[in-house]
């Protein structure tokens, strides 16, 4: 998506824009020496977003689903509402999803696409439903 290519933030004191891969809480994988861009779509290969306890509020943005390389998403200890977007459940590389103590409600997505999802942490939310990972096995949610 063209909107992600322009992600940046001010904050170096000189008014220069800070690339998304240098933001606190964001981890990127470099496909080669000195690069951080996925050659397939020109976007940074963002593999981790860890924003625990940052005072975030509102719903979980569906745009996280655009981060196709995402392996870790940690949003615990924030005041989020609504449910888990299907776009997040559709992330094929997701290994850890930690939404502990976010005040979420609703039903788990019907299926998580990632066969690598090994940590689904949802304690202290009002989420219901059954967990069905990419392998098809069910666990109580």
C-alpha atoms as a PDB file:
ATOM      1  CA  UNK A   1       0.000   0.000   0.000  1.00  0.00           C
ATOM      2  CA  UNK A   2       1.315   3.419  -0.899  1.00  0.00           C
ATOM      3  CA  UNK A   3       0.142   4.782   2.460  1.00  0.00           C
ATOM      4  CA  UNK A   4       2.660   2.633   4.372  1.00  0.00           C
ATOM      5  CA  UNK A   5       5.588   3.698   2.183  1.00  0.00           C
ATOM      6  CA  UNK A   6       5.308   7.189   3.631  1.00  0.00           C
ATOM      7  CA  UNK A   7       5.191   6.214   7.311  1.00  0.00           C
ATOM      8  CA  UNK A   8       7.404   8.581   9.238  1.00  0.00           C
ATOM      9  CA  UNK A   9       7.451  10.648  12.398  1.00  0.00           C
ATOM     10  CA  UNK A  10       9.089  13.820  13.514  1.00  0.00           C
ATOM     11  CA  UNK A  11      11.215  13.509  16.576  1.00  0.00           C
ATOM     12  CA  UNK A  12      14.928  13.961  16.045  1.00  0.00           C
ATOM     13  CA  UNK A  13      14.847  17.590  17.192  1.00  0.00           C
ATOM     14  CA  UNK A  14      15.903  18.907  13.793  1.00  0.00           C
ATOM     15  CA  UNK A  15      12.542  18.450  12.101  1.00  0.00           C
ATOM     16  CA  UNK A  16      13.845  15.556  10.007  1.00  0.00           C
ATOM     17  CA  UNK A  17      11.510  12.627   9.463  1.00  0.00           C
ATOM     18  CA  UNK A  18      12.349   9.375  11.221  1.00  0.00           C
ATOM     19  CA  UNK A  19      11.920   6.191   9.135  1.00  0.00           C
ATOM     20  CA  UNK A  20       9.365   3.736  10.551  1.00  0.00           C
ATOM     21  CA  UNK A  21      12.043   1.101  11.191  1.00  0.00           C
ATOM     22  CA  UNK A  22      13.698   3.482  13.662  1.00  0.00           C
ATOM     23  CA  UNK A  23      10.534   4.049  15.723  1.00  0.00           C
ATOM     24  CA  UNK A  24      10.577   2.764  19.278  1.00  0.00           C
ATOM     25  CA  UNK A  25       8.620  -0.485  19.427  1.00  0.00           C
ATOM     26  CA  UNK A  26       8.998  -1.311  15.716  1.00  0.00           C
ATOM     27  CA  UNK A  27      11.363  -4.019  14.484  1.00  0.00           C
ATOM     28  CA  UNK A  28      12.277  -4.550  10.841  1.00  0.00           C
ATOM     29  CA  UNK A  29      14.147  -7.311   9.070  1.00  0.00           C
ATOM     30  CA  UNK A  30      16.708  -6.331   6.510  1.00  0.00           C
ATOM     31  CA  UNK A  31      16.643  -8.611   3.456  1.00  0.00           C
ATOM     32  CA  UNK A  32      20.247  -7.758   2.667  1.00  0.00           C
ATOM     33  CA  UNK A  33      23.240  -5.788   3.934  1.00  0.00           C
ATOM     34  CA  UNK A  34      22.387  -2.118   4.442  1.00  0.00           C
ATOM     35  CA  UNK A  35      18.774  -2.423   3.305  1.00  0.00           C
ATOM     36  CA  UNK A  36      15.421  -2.678   5.068  1.00  0.00           C
ATOM     37  CA  UNK A  37      13.065  -2.752   2.107  1.00  0.00           C
ATOM     38  CA  UNK A  38      11.180  -5.808   0.909  1.00  0.00           C
ATOM     39  CA  UNK A  39      11.875  -5.886  -2.820  1.00  0.00           C
ATOM     40  CA  UNK A  40       8.465  -7.402  -3.591  1.00  0.00           C
ATOM     41  CA  UNK A  41       6.433  -4.348  -2.581  1.00  0.00           C
ATOM     42  CA  UNK A  42       8.928  -1.631  -1.632  1.00  0.00           C
ATOM     43  CA  UNK A  43       7.706  -1.523   1.979  1.00  0.00           C
ATOM     44  CA  UNK A  44       9.898  -1.960   5.046  1.00  0.00           C
ATOM     45  CA  UNK A  45       9.814  -5.588   6.205  1.00  0.00           C
ATOM     46  CA  UNK A  46       8.221  -4.844   9.594  1.00  0.00           C
ATOM     47  CA  UNK A  47       8.398  -8.021  11.677  1.00  0.00           C
ATOM     48  CA  UNK A  48       7.545  -6.695  15.133  1.00  0.00           C
ATOM     49  CA  UNK A  49       5.304  -4.077  16.697  1.00  0.00           C
ATOM     50  CA  UNK A  50       5.544  -3.888  20.498  1.00  0.00           C
ATOM     51  CA  UNK A  51       3.457  -1.089  21.985  1.00  0.00           C
ATOM     52  CA  UNK A  52       2.603  -2.471  25.423  1.00  0.00           C
ATOM     53  CA  UNK A  53       1.324   0.004  28.002  1.00  0.00           C
ATOM     54  CA  UNK A  54       1.514   3.042  25.730  1.00  0.00           C
ATOM     55  CA  UNK A  55      -1.893   4.495  26.611  1.00  0.00           C
ATOM     56  CA  UNK A  56      -3.350   3.546  23.241  1.00  0.00           C
ATOM     57  CA  UNK A  57      -7.134   3.687  22.965  1.00  0.00           C
ATOM     58  CA  UNK A  58      -9.731   2.941  20.323  1.00  0.00           C
ATOM     59  CA  UNK A  59     -10.048  -0.083  18.076  1.00  0.00           C
ATOM     60  CA  UNK A  60      -7.189  -2.164  16.739  1.00  0.00           C
ATOM     61  CA  UNK A  61      -6.428  -0.807  13.251  1.00  0.00           C
ATOM     62  CA  UNK A  62      -7.195  -3.207  10.426  1.00  0.00           C
ATOM     63  CA  UNK A  63      -4.129  -1.771   8.659  1.00  0.00           C
ATOM     64  CA  UNK A  64      -1.935  -4.099  10.739  1.00  0.00           C
ATOM     65  CA  UNK A  65      -3.080  -6.671   8.175  1.00  0.00           C
ATOM     66  CA  UNK A  66      -0.989  -4.858   5.559  1.00  0.00           C
ATOM     67  CA  UNK A  67       2.188  -5.790   7.433  1.00  0.00           C
ATOM     68  CA  UNK A  68       2.583  -9.159   5.711  1.00  0.00           C
ATOM     69  CA  UNK A  69       5.953  -9.930   7.379  1.00  0.00           C
ATOM     70  CA  UNK A  70       4.642  -9.284  10.905  1.00  0.00           C
ATOM     71  CA  UNK A  71       5.689 -12.004  13.353  1.00  0.00           C
ATOM     72  CA  UNK A  72       5.055 -10.276  16.688  1.00  0.00           C
ATOM     73  CA  UNK A  73       2.242  -7.926  17.658  1.00  0.00           C
ATOM     74  CA  UNK A  74       2.133  -6.856  21.309  1.00  0.00           C
ATOM     75  CA  UNK A  75      -0.523  -4.328  22.297  1.00  0.00           C
ATOM     76  CA  UNK A  76      -1.114  -5.514  25.875  1.00  0.00           C
ATOM     77  CA  UNK A  77      -2.030  -3.136  28.708  1.00  0.00           C
ATOM     78  CA  UNK A  78      -3.778  -0.566  26.516  1.00  0.00           C
ATOM     79  CA  UNK A  79      -7.427   0.551  26.485  1.00  0.00           C
ATOM     80  CA  UNK A  80      -8.633  -0.931  23.228  1.00  0.00           C
ATOM     81  CA  UNK A  81     -12.231  -1.711  22.337  1.00  0.00           C
ATOM     82  CA  UNK A  82     -13.939  -3.985  19.882  1.00  0.00           C
ATOM     83  CA  UNK A  83     -12.551  -7.282  18.722  1.00  0.00           C
ATOM     84  CA  UNK A  84      -9.575  -8.723  16.913  1.00  0.00           C
ATOM     85  CA  UNK A  85      -9.742  -7.685  13.249  1.00  0.00           C
ATOM     86  CA  UNK A  86      -9.898 -10.505  10.703  1.00  0.00           C
ATOM     87  CA  UNK A  87      -7.001  -8.763   8.927  1.00  0.00           C
ATOM     88  CA  UNK A  88      -4.735  -9.615  11.887  1.00  0.00           C
ATOM     89  CA  UNK A  89      -5.979 -13.205  11.914  1.00  0.00           C
ATOM     90  CA  UNK A  90      -5.034 -13.332   8.220  1.00  0.00           C
ATOM     91  CA  UNK A  91      -1.347 -12.592   8.816  1.00  0.00           C
ATOM     92  CA  UNK A  92       0.476 -15.680   7.585  1.00  0.00           C
ATOM     93  CA  UNK A  93       3.750 -15.107   9.478  1.00  0.00           C
ATOM     94  CA  UNK A  94       2.340 -14.162  12.887  1.00  0.00           C
ATOM     95  CA  UNK A  95       3.989 -16.057  15.760  1.00  0.00           C
ATOM     96  CA  UNK A  96       2.987 -13.988  18.805  1.00  0.00           C
ATOM     97  CA  UNK A  97      -0.187 -11.994  19.379  1.00  0.00           C
ATOM     98  CA  UNK A  98      -0.369 -10.475  22.870  1.00  0.00           C
ATOM     99  CA  UNK A  99      -3.526  -8.529  23.615  1.00  0.00           C
ATOM    100  CA  UNK A 100      -3.544  -9.165  27.379  1.00  0.00           C
ATOM    101  CA  UNK A 101      -5.552  -6.656  29.440  1.00  0.00           C
ATOM    102  CA  UNK A 102      -6.841  -4.562  26.553  1.00  0.00           C
ATOM    103  CA  UNK A 103     -10.566  -4.650  27.468  1.00  0.00           C
ATOM    104  CA  UNK A 104     -11.416  -6.256  24.124  1.00  0.00           C
ATOM    105  CA  UNK A 105     -14.847  -7.756  23.480  1.00  0.00           C
ATOM    106  CA  UNK A 106     -16.409  -9.930  20.846  1.00  0.00           C
ATOM    107  CA  UNK A 107     -15.617 -13.262  19.284  1.00  0.00           C
ATOM    108  CA  UNK A 108     -12.291 -14.654  18.146  1.00  0.00           C
ATOM    109  CA  UNK A 109     -11.814 -14.647  14.384  1.00  0.00           C
ATOM    110  CA  UNK A 110     -12.907 -17.995  12.948  1.00  0.00           C
ATOM    111  CA  UNK A 111      -9.397 -18.942  11.836  1.00  0.00           C
ATOM    112  CA  UNK A 112      -5.852 -17.655  12.151  1.00  0.00           C
ATOM    113  CA  UNK A 113      -3.888 -18.067   8.922  1.00  0.00           C
ATOM    114  CA  UNK A 114      -0.452 -18.517  10.477  1.00  0.00           C
ATOM    115  CA  UNK A 115       0.639 -22.063  11.160  1.00  0.00           C
ATOM    116  CA  UNK A 116       3.480 -20.498  13.183  1.00  0.00           C
ATOM    117  CA  UNK A 117       1.199 -18.813  15.744  1.00  0.00           C
ATOM    118  CA  UNK A 118       2.543 -20.219  19.003  1.00  0.00           C
ATOM    119  CA  UNK A 119       1.559 -17.472  21.484  1.00  0.00           C
ATOM    120  CA  UNK A 120      -1.991 -16.125  21.571  1.00  0.00           C
ATOM    121  CA  UNK A 121      -2.336 -14.167  24.819  1.00  0.00           C
ATOM    122  CA  UNK A 122      -5.794 -12.781  25.549  1.00  0.00           C
ATOM    123  CA  UNK A 123      -6.113 -12.782  29.364  1.00  0.00           C
ATOM    124  CA  UNK A 124      -8.378 -10.190  31.016  1.00  0.00           C
ATOM    125  CA  UNK A 125     -10.499  -9.456  27.959  1.00  0.00           C
ATOM    126  CA  UNK A 126     -14.116 -10.373  27.218  1.00  0.00           C
ATOM    127  CA  UNK A 127     -13.289 -12.425  24.109  1.00  0.00           C
ATOM    128  CA  UNK A 128     -15.258 -15.585  23.456  1.00  0.00           C
ATOM    129  CA  UNK A 129     -15.041 -18.392  20.957  1.00  0.00           C
ATOM    130  CA  UNK A 130     -12.709 -21.207  20.049  1.00  0.00           C
ATOM    131  CA  UNK A 131      -9.201 -20.896  18.683  1.00  0.00           C
ATOM    132  CA  UNK A 132      -8.516 -22.628  15.393  1.00  0.00           C
ATOM    133  CA  UNK A 133      -4.982 -22.108  14.161  1.00  0.00           C
ATOM    134  CA  UNK A 134      -3.662 -22.710  10.673  1.00  0.00           C
ATOM    135  CA  UNK A 135      -3.243 -26.405  11.460  1.00  0.00           C
ATOM    136  CA  UNK A 136      -6.984 -26.845  12.075  1.00  0.00           C
ATOM    137  CA  UNK A 137      -6.714 -27.973  15.708  1.00  0.00           C
ATOM    138  CA  UNK A 138      -8.989 -26.332  18.243  1.00  0.00           C
ATOM    139  CA  UNK A 139      -8.212 -24.895  21.673  1.00  0.00           C
ATOM    140  CA  UNK A 140     -10.588 -23.195  24.038  1.00  0.00           C
ATOM    141  CA  UNK A 141     -10.380 -19.408  23.646  1.00  0.00           C
END
